[in-house]
């Protein structure tokens, strides 16, 4: 009986961690309980009803209120690092050449109703187009870095300085942010 209770407890803890992840990733104020039920079912293969999600969210919020500031800082740091990696990965991918492949059938000069081999040939053309990258992804990476700096008190603005100064980014093809 004890083993069953500990197994059930582990399942509850796992489900609550999944609910917490969904709650945070979908936006804590924008996600509904029914949306969490749907994501749990589709992505995690966990089937529960809305009342279970309600109890899970209550337990999650209670646990979050009991966290120390250091726990919260560690959690936020991990989330900002995740956001930074995703933005940098997206930026790198947005710089890859766009490849468009067009296939068309060209009919052979002959009988239009002939066999498949004599109907024509396929013409394939490929076009590569260089990309300069999506600057919105750099802005997301910059925002994540700024949040991390603020969290640790690095680069704190001096008295009288304004944060409204423009930030200029020079994009150089072939140079990665990891190379800097």
C-alpha atoms as a PDB file:
ATOM      1  CA  UNK A   1       0.000   0.000   0.000  1.00  0.00           C
ATOM      2  CA  UNK A   2       2.844   2.382   0.839  1.00  0.00           C
ATOM      3  CA  UNK A   3       4.487   1.776  -2.521  1.00  0.00           C
ATOM      4  CA  UNK A   4       1.245   2.567  -4.330  1.00  0.00           C
ATOM      5  CA  UNK A   5       0.918   5.831  -2.405  1.00  0.00           C
ATOM      6  CA  UNK A   6       4.501   6.819  -3.200  1.00  0.00           C
ATOM      7  CA  UNK A   7       3.925   5.944  -6.868  1.00  0.00           C
ATOM      8  CA  UNK A   8       0.748   8.014  -6.912  1.00  0.00           C
ATOM      9  CA  UNK A   9       2.634  10.850  -5.240  1.00  0.00           C
ATOM     10  CA  UNK A  10       5.352  10.685  -7.917  1.00  0.00           C
ATOM     11  CA  UNK A  11       2.695  10.762 -10.645  1.00  0.00           C
ATOM     12  CA  UNK A  12       1.070  13.799  -9.013  1.00  0.00           C
ATOM     13  CA  UNK A  13       4.425  15.580  -8.727  1.00  0.00           C
ATOM     14  CA  UNK A  14       5.232  14.811 -12.374  1.00  0.00           C
ATOM     15  CA  UNK A  15       1.817  16.007 -13.536  1.00  0.00           C
ATOM     16  CA  UNK A  16       2.146  19.190 -11.468  1.00  0.00           C
ATOM     17  CA  UNK A  17       5.569  19.872 -12.955  1.00  0.00           C
ATOM     18  CA  UNK A  18       4.044  19.456 -16.426  1.00  0.00           C
ATOM     19  CA  UNK A  19       1.150  21.761 -15.490  1.00  0.00           C
ATOM     20  CA  UNK A  20       3.622  24.317 -14.122  1.00  0.00           C
ATOM     21  CA  UNK A  21       5.666  24.203 -17.343  1.00  0.00           C
ATOM     22  CA  UNK A  22       2.530  24.624 -19.470  1.00  0.00           C
ATOM     23  CA  UNK A  23       1.252  27.397 -17.200  1.00  0.00           C
ATOM     24  CA  UNK A  24       4.497  29.332 -17.581  1.00  0.00           C
ATOM     25  CA  UNK A  25       5.152  28.679 -21.283  1.00  0.00           C
ATOM     26  CA  UNK A  26       1.626  29.514 -22.430  1.00  0.00           C
ATOM     27  CA  UNK A  27       1.509  32.641 -20.289  1.00  0.00           C
ATOM     28  CA  UNK A  28       0.288  32.492 -16.720  1.00  0.00           C
ATOM     29  CA  UNK A  29      -2.444  35.071 -17.256  1.00  0.00           C
ATOM     30  CA  UNK A  30      -3.525  34.016 -20.737  1.00  0.00           C
ATOM     31  CA  UNK A  31      -3.921  30.257 -20.362  1.00  0.00           C
ATOM     32  CA  UNK A  32      -7.166  28.625 -19.276  1.00  0.00           C
ATOM     33  CA  UNK A  33      -7.518  25.410 -17.329  1.00  0.00           C
ATOM     34  CA  UNK A  34      -9.185  23.715 -20.281  1.00  0.00           C
ATOM     35  CA  UNK A  35      -6.189  24.654 -22.477  1.00  0.00           C
ATOM     36  CA  UNK A  36      -3.880  23.054 -19.915  1.00  0.00           C
ATOM     37  CA  UNK A  37      -6.038  19.899 -19.991  1.00  0.00           C
ATOM     38  CA  UNK A  38      -5.735  19.801 -23.802  1.00  0.00           C
ATOM     39  CA  UNK A  39      -1.948  20.304 -23.814  1.00  0.00           C
ATOM     40  CA  UNK A  40      -1.478  17.668 -21.106  1.00  0.00           C
ATOM     41  CA  UNK A  41      -3.479  15.208 -23.182  1.00  0.00           C
ATOM     42  CA  UNK A  42      -1.783  15.980 -26.518  1.00  0.00           C
ATOM     43  CA  UNK A  43       1.826  16.587 -25.475  1.00  0.00           C
ATOM     44  CA  UNK A  44       2.224  14.530 -22.296  1.00  0.00           C
ATOM     45  CA  UNK A  45      -0.436  11.826 -22.809  1.00  0.00           C
ATOM     46  CA  UNK A  46      -1.893  12.638 -19.385  1.00  0.00           C
ATOM     47  CA  UNK A  47      -5.680  12.682 -19.160  1.00  0.00           C
ATOM     48  CA  UNK A  48      -7.249  14.608 -16.278  1.00  0.00           C
ATOM     49  CA  UNK A  49     -10.296  16.763 -15.814  1.00  0.00           C
ATOM     50  CA  UNK A  50     -10.433  20.494 -15.210  1.00  0.00           C
ATOM     51  CA  UNK A  51     -11.026  20.120 -11.445  1.00  0.00           C
ATOM     52  CA  UNK A  52      -7.700  18.256 -11.139  1.00  0.00           C
ATOM     53  CA  UNK A  53      -5.960  21.113 -12.953  1.00  0.00           C
ATOM     54  CA  UNK A  54      -7.627  23.571 -10.587  1.00  0.00           C
ATOM     55  CA  UNK A  55      -6.239  21.677  -7.570  1.00  0.00           C
ATOM     56  CA  UNK A  56      -2.815  21.400  -9.224  1.00  0.00           C
ATOM     57  CA  UNK A  57      -2.674  25.137  -9.940  1.00  0.00           C
ATOM     58  CA  UNK A  58      -3.660  25.927  -6.352  1.00  0.00           C
ATOM     59  CA  UNK A  59      -0.847  23.680  -5.072  1.00  0.00           C
ATOM     60  CA  UNK A  60       1.640  25.166  -7.562  1.00  0.00           C
ATOM     61  CA  UNK A  61       0.763  28.745  -6.586  1.00  0.00           C
ATOM     62  CA  UNK A  62       1.045  27.861  -2.884  1.00  0.00           C
ATOM     63  CA  UNK A  63       4.485  26.314  -3.454  1.00  0.00           C
ATOM     64  CA  UNK A  64       5.601  29.346  -5.473  1.00  0.00           C
ATOM     65  CA  UNK A  65       4.593  31.681  -2.618  1.00  0.00           C
ATOM     66  CA  UNK A  66       6.749  29.603  -0.251  1.00  0.00           C
ATOM     67  CA  UNK A  67       9.842  29.859  -2.440  1.00  0.00           C
ATOM     68  CA  UNK A  68      12.784  31.865  -1.225  1.00  0.00           C
ATOM     69  CA  UNK A  69      14.021  34.758  -3.344  1.00  0.00           C
ATOM     70  CA  UNK A  70      17.067  32.647  -4.272  1.00  0.00           C
ATOM     71  CA  UNK A  71      14.803  29.838  -5.533  1.00  0.00           C
ATOM     72  CA  UNK A  72      12.859  32.313  -7.631  1.00  0.00           C
ATOM     73  CA  UNK A  73      16.049  33.902  -8.941  1.00  0.00           C
ATOM     74  CA  UNK A  74      17.415  30.488  -9.964  1.00  0.00           C
ATOM     75  CA  UNK A  75      14.155  29.629 -11.724  1.00  0.00           C
ATOM     76  CA  UNK A  76      14.017  32.965 -13.570  1.00  0.00           C
ATOM     77  CA  UNK A  77      17.676  32.692 -14.516  1.00  0.00           C
ATOM     78  CA  UNK A  78      17.035  29.268 -16.079  1.00  0.00           C
ATOM     79  CA  UNK A  79      14.025  30.639 -17.982  1.00  0.00           C
ATOM     80  CA  UNK A  80      15.994  33.636 -19.294  1.00  0.00           C
ATOM     81  CA  UNK A  81      18.843  31.368 -20.382  1.00  0.00           C
ATOM     82  CA  UNK A  82      16.308  29.193 -22.233  1.00  0.00           C
ATOM     83  CA  UNK A  83      14.835  32.290 -23.926  1.00  0.00           C
ATOM     84  CA  UNK A  84      18.326  33.496 -24.847  1.00  0.00           C
ATOM     85  CA  UNK A  85      19.257  30.136 -26.405  1.00  0.00           C
ATOM     86  CA  UNK A  86      16.011  29.946 -28.365  1.00  0.00           C
ATOM     87  CA  UNK A  87      16.436  33.507 -29.681  1.00  0.00           C
ATOM     88  CA  UNK A  88      20.063  32.901 -30.654  1.00  0.00           C
ATOM     89  CA  UNK A  89      19.143  29.610 -32.343  1.00  0.00           C
ATOM     90  CA  UNK A  90      16.323  31.339 -34.214  1.00  0.00           C
ATOM     91  CA  UNK A  91      18.673  34.140 -35.260  1.00  0.00           C
ATOM     92  CA  UNK A  92      21.189  31.642 -36.624  1.00  0.00           C
ATOM     93  CA  UNK A  93      18.471  29.749 -38.493  1.00  0.00           C
ATOM     94  CA  UNK A  94      17.065  33.001 -39.922  1.00  0.00           C
ATOM     95  CA  UNK A  95      20.449  33.683 -41.527  1.00  0.00           C
ATOM     96  CA  UNK A  96      20.437  30.426 -43.503  1.00  0.00           C
ATOM     97  CA  UNK A  97      19.869  30.706 -47.226  1.00  0.00           C
ATOM     98  CA  UNK A  98      16.276  30.252 -48.323  1.00  0.00           C
ATOM     99  CA  UNK A  99      16.014  27.429 -50.836  1.00  0.00           C
ATOM    100  CA  UNK A 100      13.078  27.246 -53.230  1.00  0.00           C
ATOM    101  CA  UNK A 101      12.683  24.178 -55.399  1.00  0.00           C
ATOM    102  CA  UNK A 102      10.215  24.262 -58.277  1.00  0.00           C
ATOM    103  CA  UNK A 103       9.220  21.111 -60.157  1.00  0.00           C
ATOM    104  CA  UNK A 104       7.169  21.152 -63.328  1.00  0.00           C
ATOM    105  CA  UNK A 105       6.296  18.603 -65.956  1.00  0.00           C
ATOM    106  CA  UNK A 106       7.164  19.403 -69.555  1.00  0.00           C
ATOM    107  CA  UNK A 107       5.116  17.444 -72.073  1.00  0.00           C
ATOM    108  CA  UNK A 108       6.995  15.658 -74.798  1.00  0.00           C
ATOM    109  CA  UNK A 109       6.290  16.470 -78.408  1.00  0.00           C
ATOM    110  CA  UNK A 110       4.198  13.473 -79.285  1.00  0.00           C
ATOM    111  CA  UNK A 111       0.942  11.921 -78.331  1.00  0.00           C
ATOM    112  CA  UNK A 112      -0.583  13.454 -75.218  1.00  0.00           C
ATOM    113  CA  UNK A 113      -2.142  10.114 -74.243  1.00  0.00           C
ATOM    114  CA  UNK A 114       1.007   7.989 -74.533  1.00  0.00           C
ATOM    115  CA  UNK A 115       2.468   5.834 -71.788  1.00  0.00           C
ATOM    116  CA  UNK A 116       3.999   7.382 -68.641  1.00  0.00           C
ATOM    117  CA  UNK A 117       7.569   7.169 -69.915  1.00  0.00           C
ATOM    118  CA  UNK A 118       6.825   9.121 -73.084  1.00  0.00           C
ATOM    119  CA  UNK A 119       4.590  11.820 -71.588  1.00  0.00           C
ATOM    120  CA  UNK A 120       7.370  14.207 -70.778  1.00  0.00           C
ATOM    121  CA  UNK A 121      10.058  14.997 -68.325  1.00  0.00           C
ATOM    122  CA  UNK A 122      10.263  16.819 -65.053  1.00  0.00           C
ATOM    123  CA  UNK A 123      12.058  20.131 -64.917  1.00  0.00           C
ATOM    124  CA  UNK A 124      13.483  20.968 -61.516  1.00  0.00           C
ATOM    125  CA  UNK A 125      14.929  24.354 -60.674  1.00  0.00           C
ATOM    126  CA  UNK A 126      16.417  25.403 -57.371  1.00  0.00           C
ATOM    127  CA  UNK A 127      16.830  28.980 -56.247  1.00  0.00           C
ATOM    128  CA  UNK A 128      18.968  30.013 -53.273  1.00  0.00           C
ATOM    129  CA  UNK A 129      18.421  33.365 -51.692  1.00  0.00           C
ATOM    130  CA  UNK A 130      20.693  34.798 -49.023  1.00  0.00           C
ATOM    131  CA  UNK A 131      19.073  35.910 -45.795  1.00  0.00           C
ATOM    132  CA  UNK A 132      20.228  38.685 -43.507  1.00  0.00           C
ATOM    133  CA  UNK A 133      18.527  37.352 -40.366  1.00  0.00           C
ATOM    134  CA  UNK A 134      15.488  38.436 -38.391  1.00  0.00           C
ATOM    135  CA  UNK A 135      16.394  41.413 -36.165  1.00  0.00           C
ATOM    136  CA  UNK A 136      13.416  40.724 -33.869  1.00  0.00           C
ATOM    137  CA  UNK A 137      15.222  37.599 -32.680  1.00  0.00           C
ATOM    138  CA  UNK A 138      18.272  39.658 -31.748  1.00  0.00           C
ATOM    139  CA  UNK A 139      15.977  42.001 -29.830  1.00  0.00           C
ATOM    140  CA  UNK A 140      14.598  39.013 -27.889  1.00  0.00           C
ATOM    141  CA  UNK A 141      18.119  37.830 -27.070  1.00  0.00           C
ATOM    142  CA  UNK A 142      19.049  41.340 -25.987  1.00  0.00           C
ATOM    143  CA  UNK A 143      15.978  41.539 -23.737  1.00  0.00           C
ATOM    144  CA  UNK A 144      16.864  38.210 -22.102  1.00  0.00           C
ATOM    145  CA  UNK A 145      20.437  39.381 -21.505  1.00  0.00           C
ATOM    146  CA  UNK A 146      19.184  42.657 -20.063  1.00  0.00           C
ATOM    147  CA  UNK A 147      16.874  40.785 -17.684  1.00  0.00           C
ATOM    148  CA  UNK A 148      19.768  38.587 -16.545  1.00  0.00           C
ATOM    149  CA  UNK A 149      21.998  41.623 -15.992  1.00  0.00           C
ATOM    150  CA  UNK A 150      19.270  43.365 -14.011  1.00  0.00           C
ATOM    151  CA  UNK A 151      18.675  40.235 -11.953  1.00  0.00           C
ATOM    152  CA  UNK A 152      22.304  40.178 -10.856  1.00  0.00           C
ATOM    153  CA  UNK A 153      22.743  43.949 -10.648  1.00  0.00           C
ATOM    154  CA  UNK A 154      25.274  44.078 -13.465  1.00  0.00           C
ATOM    155  CA  UNK A 155      25.310  47.208 -15.637  1.00  0.00           C
ATOM    156  CA  UNK A 156      23.005  49.024 -13.234  1.00  0.00           C
ATOM    157  CA  UNK A 157      22.260  52.503 -14.543  1.00  0.00           C
ATOM    158  CA  UNK A 158      24.112  55.295 -12.785  1.00  0.00           C
ATOM    159  CA  UNK A 159      22.088  58.039 -11.192  1.00  0.00           C
ATOM    160  CA  UNK A 160      20.860  60.458 -13.839  1.00  0.00           C
ATOM    161  CA  UNK A 161      21.458  58.076 -16.757  1.00  0.00           C
ATOM    162  CA  UNK A 162      18.573  57.132 -18.963  1.00  0.00           C
ATOM    163  CA  UNK A 163      17.872  53.683 -20.397  1.00  0.00           C
ATOM    164  CA  UNK A 164      16.277  55.356 -23.424  1.00  0.00           C
ATOM    165  CA  UNK A 165      19.536  55.442 -25.368  1.00  0.00           C
ATOM    166  CA  UNK A 166      19.359  53.668 -28.725  1.00  0.00           C
ATOM    167  CA  UNK A 167      21.126  50.352 -29.112  1.00  0.00           C
ATOM    168  CA  UNK A 168      22.829  49.862 -32.451  1.00  0.00           C
ATOM    169  CA  UNK A 169      23.629  46.419 -33.789  1.00  0.00           C
ATOM    170  CA  UNK A 170      25.941  45.944 -36.725  1.00  0.00           C
ATOM    171  CA  UNK A 171      25.278  42.656 -38.497  1.00  0.00           C
ATOM    172  CA  UNK A 172      28.334  41.011 -39.985  1.00  0.00           C
ATOM    173  CA  UNK A 173      27.733  37.872 -42.066  1.00  0.00           C
ATOM    174  CA  UNK A 174      29.861  34.935 -41.122  1.00  0.00           C
ATOM    175  CA  UNK A 175      30.440  36.086 -37.551  1.00  0.00           C
ATOM    176  CA  UNK A 176      28.597  34.308 -34.776  1.00  0.00           C
ATOM    177  CA  UNK A 177      27.865  35.815 -31.395  1.00  0.00           C
ATOM    178  CA  UNK A 178      29.763  32.828 -29.979  1.00  0.00           C
ATOM    179  CA  UNK A 179      32.888  34.047 -31.796  1.00  0.00           C
ATOM    180  CA  UNK A 180      32.887  37.342 -29.921  1.00  0.00           C
END
